[in-house]
Amino acid sequence: MTTEHFNPVPLDTKAELGRAMQRAGFKAAWDGLEEEYAALNALLEARKQAGLTQEEVAARMGTTKSAVSRLEASLRTDKHSPSFATLRKYAHACGKRLIIKMV
């Protein structure tokens, strides 16, 4: 009988990102996503600070877990942009206020 052990390959994300930044066009594409990822991070951080699951946020918003999942995923793509009202409901479900700033 052979006993195999899972031995993952370590990943140095900072080093990988540094290498990727050297590729033509990567930095421009990365920088172009900054606003989307900042918005996504704000949503996920609000939910984390509130200690809520997607199911709990959905219940507070009066929607489904899959709708909350789609909302969180929508900020990583330009297929769908959530409305101000939806973002406000999400913020309130997490015990937060929605404030939008232009800088």
N, C-alpha and C. Protein backbone atom coordinates (compact mmCIF):
# COMPACT_ATOMS: atom_id res chain seq x y z
N MET A 1 0.84 -1.18 0.00
CA MET A 1 0.00 0.00 0.00
C MET A 1 0.89 1.25 0.00
N THR A 2 0.61 2.15 -0.93
CA THR A 2 1.38 3.38 -1.05
C THR A 2 0.62 4.51 -0.37
N THR A 3 1.32 5.24 0.47
CA THR A 3 0.70 6.39 1.12
C THR A 3 1.23 7.64 0.45
N GLU A 4 0.34 8.36 -0.22
CA GLU A 4 0.74 9.61 -0.87
C GLU A 4 0.29 10.77 -0.01
N HIS A 5 1.15 11.75 0.08
CA HIS A 5 0.84 12.95 0.84
C HIS A 5 0.72 14.13 -0.11
N PHE A 6 -0.23 14.96 0.16
CA PHE A 6 -0.40 16.17 -0.62
C PHE A 6 0.74 17.11 -0.27
N ASN A 7 1.47 17.54 -1.27
CA ASN A 7 2.60 18.43 -1.05
C ASN A 7 2.45 19.61 -2.00
N PRO A 8 1.72 20.66 -1.58
CA PRO A 8 1.47 21.78 -2.49
C PRO A 8 2.74 22.56 -2.82
N VAL A 9 2.75 23.13 -3.99
CA VAL A 9 3.86 23.97 -4.42
C VAL A 9 3.63 25.35 -3.83
N PRO A 10 4.61 25.89 -3.10
CA PRO A 10 4.41 27.22 -2.52
C PRO A 10 4.27 28.29 -3.61
N LEU A 11 3.44 29.27 -3.36
CA LEU A 11 3.22 30.35 -4.30
C LEU A 11 3.57 31.66 -3.63
N ASP A 12 4.49 32.37 -4.22
CA ASP A 12 4.86 33.70 -3.73
C ASP A 12 4.12 34.71 -4.60
N THR A 13 2.95 35.17 -4.12
CA THR A 13 2.10 36.03 -4.94
C THR A 13 2.78 37.35 -5.28
N LYS A 14 3.55 37.90 -4.37
CA LYS A 14 4.24 39.17 -4.65
C LYS A 14 5.25 38.99 -5.77
N ALA A 15 6.00 37.90 -5.73
CA ALA A 15 6.99 37.64 -6.78
C ALA A 15 6.29 37.39 -8.12
N GLU A 16 5.19 36.63 -8.10
CA GLU A 16 4.45 36.36 -9.33
C GLU A 16 3.88 37.64 -9.92
N LEU A 17 3.34 38.51 -9.06
CA LEU A 17 2.81 39.77 -9.53
C LEU A 17 3.93 40.63 -10.13
N GLY A 18 5.08 40.63 -9.47
CA GLY A 18 6.23 41.37 -9.99
C GLY A 18 6.63 40.90 -11.38
N ARG A 19 6.63 39.58 -11.59
CA ARG A 19 6.95 39.03 -12.91
C ARG A 19 5.88 39.41 -13.92
N ALA A 20 4.62 39.34 -13.50
CA ALA A 20 3.52 39.66 -14.41
C ALA A 20 3.58 41.13 -14.83
N MET A 21 3.97 42.00 -13.92
CA MET A 21 4.06 43.43 -14.23
C MET A 21 5.06 43.72 -15.34
N GLN A 22 5.99 42.81 -15.57
CA GLN A 22 7.00 42.98 -16.62
C GLN A 22 6.43 42.66 -18.01
N ARG A 23 5.31 41.94 -18.06
CA ARG A 23 4.73 41.57 -19.35
C ARG A 23 4.06 42.78 -19.99
N ALA A 24 4.16 42.87 -21.29
CA ALA A 24 3.57 43.97 -22.04
C ALA A 24 2.07 44.04 -21.80
N GLY A 25 1.59 45.21 -21.44
CA GLY A 25 0.16 45.43 -21.27
C GLY A 25 -0.42 45.03 -19.94
N PHE A 26 0.32 44.25 -19.15
CA PHE A 26 -0.25 43.76 -17.89
C PHE A 26 -0.50 44.90 -16.90
N LYS A 27 0.49 45.79 -16.73
CA LYS A 27 0.35 46.87 -15.75
C LYS A 27 -0.83 47.77 -16.09
N ALA A 28 -1.02 48.09 -17.36
CA ALA A 28 -2.14 48.94 -17.76
C ALA A 28 -3.47 48.25 -17.45
N ALA A 29 -3.54 46.96 -17.75
CA ALA A 29 -4.77 46.21 -17.46
C ALA A 29 -5.00 46.13 -15.96
N TRP A 30 -3.96 45.88 -15.19
CA TRP A 30 -4.05 45.79 -13.73
C TRP A 30 -4.54 47.12 -13.16
N ASP A 31 -3.92 48.22 -13.60
CA ASP A 31 -4.31 49.54 -13.11
C ASP A 31 -5.73 49.89 -13.51
N GLY A 32 -6.19 49.42 -14.67
CA GLY A 32 -7.54 49.69 -15.13
C GLY A 32 -8.61 49.05 -14.28
N LEU A 33 -8.24 48.04 -13.51
CA LEU A 33 -9.21 47.35 -12.65
C LEU A 33 -9.21 47.85 -11.21
N GLU A 34 -8.40 48.84 -10.93
CA GLU A 34 -8.24 49.32 -9.56
C GLU A 34 -9.56 49.72 -8.92
N GLU A 35 -10.40 50.47 -9.62
CA GLU A 35 -11.65 50.93 -9.04
C GLU A 35 -12.60 49.78 -8.75
N GLU A 36 -12.68 48.81 -9.68
CA GLU A 36 -13.57 47.66 -9.47
C GLU A 36 -13.14 46.85 -8.26
N TYR A 37 -11.83 46.59 -8.17
CA TYR A 37 -11.36 45.79 -7.04
C TYR A 37 -11.46 46.54 -5.72
N ALA A 38 -11.32 47.86 -5.76
CA ALA A 38 -11.51 48.64 -4.53
C ALA A 38 -12.97 48.56 -4.07
N ALA A 39 -13.90 48.63 -5.02
CA ALA A 39 -15.31 48.53 -4.68
C ALA A 39 -15.64 47.14 -4.15
N LEU A 40 -15.13 46.11 -4.83
CA LEU A 40 -15.35 44.74 -4.37
C LEU A 40 -14.78 44.54 -2.97
N ASN A 41 -13.58 45.04 -2.75
CA ASN A 41 -12.96 44.92 -1.43
C ASN A 41 -13.81 45.61 -0.37
N ALA A 42 -14.39 46.76 -0.70
CA ALA A 42 -15.24 47.47 0.26
C ALA A 42 -16.46 46.64 0.64
N LEU A 43 -17.09 46.00 -0.35
CA LEU A 43 -18.25 45.15 -0.06
C LEU A 43 -17.84 43.97 0.81
N LEU A 44 -16.81 43.27 0.41
CA LEU A 44 -16.39 42.08 1.15
C LEU A 44 -15.92 42.43 2.56
N GLU A 45 -15.25 43.56 2.69
CA GLU A 45 -14.78 43.99 4.02
C GLU A 45 -15.96 44.36 4.92
N ALA A 46 -16.97 45.01 4.35
CA ALA A 46 -18.17 45.36 5.13
C ALA A 46 -18.86 44.10 5.64
N ARG A 47 -18.98 43.11 4.76
CA ARG A 47 -19.63 41.85 5.17
C ARG A 47 -18.80 41.14 6.22
N LYS A 48 -17.48 41.14 6.04
CA LYS A 48 -16.59 40.49 7.01
C LYS A 48 -16.66 41.19 8.37
N GLN A 49 -16.61 42.52 8.37
CA GLN A 49 -16.69 43.27 9.63
C GLN A 49 -18.00 43.02 10.35
N ALA A 50 -19.06 42.84 9.57
CA ALA A 50 -20.38 42.57 10.17
C ALA A 50 -20.49 41.12 10.62
N GLY A 51 -19.54 40.27 10.20
CA GLY A 51 -19.57 38.86 10.57
C GLY A 51 -20.72 38.11 9.93
N LEU A 52 -21.07 38.49 8.71
CA LEU A 52 -22.23 37.92 8.03
C LEU A 52 -21.82 37.02 6.86
N THR A 53 -22.63 36.03 6.62
CA THR A 53 -22.48 35.19 5.43
C THR A 53 -23.29 35.83 4.31
N GLN A 54 -23.10 35.33 3.09
CA GLN A 54 -23.92 35.80 1.98
C GLN A 54 -25.39 35.53 2.25
N GLU A 55 -25.70 34.39 2.86
CA GLU A 55 -27.08 34.06 3.17
C GLU A 55 -27.70 35.08 4.12
N GLU A 56 -26.93 35.49 5.12
CA GLU A 56 -27.44 36.45 6.11
C GLU A 56 -27.64 37.83 5.49
N VAL A 57 -26.70 38.24 4.63
CA VAL A 57 -26.86 39.52 3.95
C VAL A 57 -28.10 39.46 3.06
N ALA A 58 -28.26 38.35 2.34
CA ALA A 58 -29.41 38.19 1.46
C ALA A 58 -30.72 38.30 2.24
N ALA A 59 -30.79 37.65 3.38
CA ALA A 59 -32.01 37.71 4.20
C ALA A 59 -32.31 39.15 4.62
N ARG A 60 -31.29 39.88 4.99
CA ARG A 60 -31.48 41.26 5.41
C ARG A 60 -31.87 42.17 4.25
N MET A 61 -31.42 41.80 3.04
CA MET A 61 -31.75 42.58 1.85
C MET A 61 -33.09 42.18 1.25
N GLY A 62 -33.62 41.04 1.68
CA GLY A 62 -34.85 40.54 1.11
C GLY A 62 -34.64 39.91 -0.26
N THR A 63 -33.49 39.24 -0.41
CA THR A 63 -33.17 38.60 -1.68
C THR A 63 -32.57 37.22 -1.42
N THR A 64 -31.94 36.66 -2.42
CA THR A 64 -31.38 35.32 -2.30
C THR A 64 -29.86 35.36 -2.19
N LYS A 65 -29.29 34.28 -1.69
CA LYS A 65 -27.84 34.16 -1.62
C LYS A 65 -27.22 34.29 -3.00
N SER A 66 -27.84 33.68 -4.00
CA SER A 66 -27.28 33.75 -5.35
C SER A 66 -27.27 35.18 -5.87
N ALA A 67 -28.26 35.99 -5.49
CA ALA A 67 -28.27 37.40 -5.90
C ALA A 67 -27.11 38.15 -5.25
N VAL A 68 -26.83 37.86 -3.99
CA VAL A 68 -25.71 38.51 -3.30
C VAL A 68 -24.39 38.05 -3.92
N SER A 69 -24.30 36.78 -4.23
CA SER A 69 -23.10 36.25 -4.88
C SER A 69 -22.88 36.93 -6.23
N ARG A 70 -23.95 37.08 -7.02
CA ARG A 70 -23.85 37.77 -8.32
C ARG A 70 -23.44 39.22 -8.13
N LEU A 71 -24.00 39.87 -7.10
CA LEU A 71 -23.64 41.27 -6.82
C LEU A 71 -22.16 41.39 -6.54
N GLU A 72 -21.65 40.54 -5.66
CA GLU A 72 -20.23 40.60 -5.33
C GLU A 72 -19.37 40.28 -6.55
N ALA A 73 -19.81 39.34 -7.37
CA ALA A 73 -19.05 38.97 -8.58
C ALA A 73 -19.16 40.04 -9.66
N SER A 74 -20.25 40.80 -9.68
CA SER A 74 -20.48 41.78 -10.75
C SER A 74 -19.44 42.88 -10.75
N LEU A 75 -18.81 43.11 -9.64
CA LEU A 75 -17.81 44.17 -9.57
C LEU A 75 -16.49 43.76 -10.21
N ARG A 76 -16.37 42.49 -10.58
CA ARG A 76 -15.15 42.01 -11.25
C ARG A 76 -15.33 41.97 -12.76
N THR A 77 -16.47 42.37 -13.24
CA THR A 77 -16.76 42.30 -14.67
C THR A 77 -17.59 43.50 -15.08
N ASP A 78 -17.54 43.86 -16.34
CA ASP A 78 -18.35 44.99 -16.78
C ASP A 78 -19.67 44.54 -17.42
N LYS A 79 -20.04 43.27 -17.23
CA LYS A 79 -21.31 42.75 -17.76
C LYS A 79 -22.51 43.41 -17.07
N HIS A 80 -22.38 43.65 -15.79
CA HIS A 80 -23.50 44.15 -15.00
C HIS A 80 -22.97 45.15 -13.98
N SER A 81 -23.64 46.26 -13.87
CA SER A 81 -23.28 47.25 -12.85
C SER A 81 -24.45 47.36 -11.88
N PRO A 82 -24.21 47.13 -10.60
CA PRO A 82 -25.30 47.21 -9.62
C PRO A 82 -25.79 48.65 -9.49
N SER A 83 -27.05 48.79 -9.17
CA SER A 83 -27.64 50.13 -8.99
C SER A 83 -27.20 50.70 -7.64
N PHE A 84 -27.38 52.00 -7.53
CA PHE A 84 -27.10 52.68 -6.27
C PHE A 84 -27.98 52.10 -5.17
N ALA A 85 -29.25 51.85 -5.50
CA ALA A 85 -30.18 51.31 -4.51
C ALA A 85 -29.73 49.93 -4.01
N THR A 86 -29.23 49.10 -4.92
CA THR A 86 -28.76 47.77 -4.51
C THR A 86 -27.54 47.87 -3.61
N LEU A 87 -26.60 48.74 -3.98
CA LEU A 87 -25.41 48.92 -3.15
C LEU A 87 -25.79 49.48 -1.77
N ARG A 88 -26.77 50.37 -1.74
CA ARG A 88 -27.23 50.93 -0.46
C ARG A 88 -27.86 49.83 0.40
N LYS A 89 -28.69 48.96 -0.20
CA LYS A 89 -29.29 47.85 0.55
C LYS A 89 -28.22 46.93 1.12
N TYR A 90 -27.21 46.64 0.33
CA TYR A 90 -26.11 45.78 0.78
C TYR A 90 -25.40 46.44 1.97
N ALA A 91 -25.08 47.73 1.82
CA ALA A 91 -24.41 48.46 2.91
C ALA A 91 -25.25 48.42 4.18
N HIS A 92 -26.53 48.71 4.06
CA HIS A 92 -27.41 48.71 5.24
C HIS A 92 -27.52 47.32 5.85
N ALA A 93 -27.55 46.29 5.02
CA ALA A 93 -27.60 44.91 5.52
C ALA A 93 -26.37 44.59 6.37
N CYS A 94 -25.26 45.25 6.05
CA CYS A 94 -24.00 45.04 6.79
C CYS A 94 -23.83 46.04 7.92
N GLY A 95 -24.85 46.86 8.16
CA GLY A 95 -24.78 47.85 9.23
C GLY A 95 -23.92 49.04 8.86
N LYS A 96 -23.81 49.33 7.58
CA LYS A 96 -22.98 50.43 7.08
C LYS A 96 -23.83 51.43 6.32
N ARG A 97 -23.23 52.57 5.99
CA ARG A 97 -23.83 53.57 5.10
C ARG A 97 -23.02 53.56 3.82
N LEU A 98 -23.70 53.80 2.70
CA LEU A 98 -23.02 53.89 1.41
C LEU A 98 -22.63 55.33 1.18
N ILE A 99 -21.35 55.57 0.99
CA ILE A 99 -20.84 56.90 0.67
C ILE A 99 -19.97 56.73 -0.57
N ILE A 100 -20.27 57.53 -1.59
CA ILE A 100 -19.48 57.49 -2.82
C ILE A 100 -18.72 58.79 -2.92
N LYS A 101 -17.41 58.69 -3.18
CA LYS A 101 -16.56 59.86 -3.30
C LYS A 101 -15.83 59.83 -4.63
N MET A 102 -15.63 60.98 -5.19
CA MET A 102 -14.77 61.09 -6.36
C MET A 102 -13.51 61.82 -5.92
N VAL A 103 -12.39 61.23 -6.22
CA VAL A 103 -11.12 61.82 -5.80
C VAL A 103 -10.20 62.04 -6.98
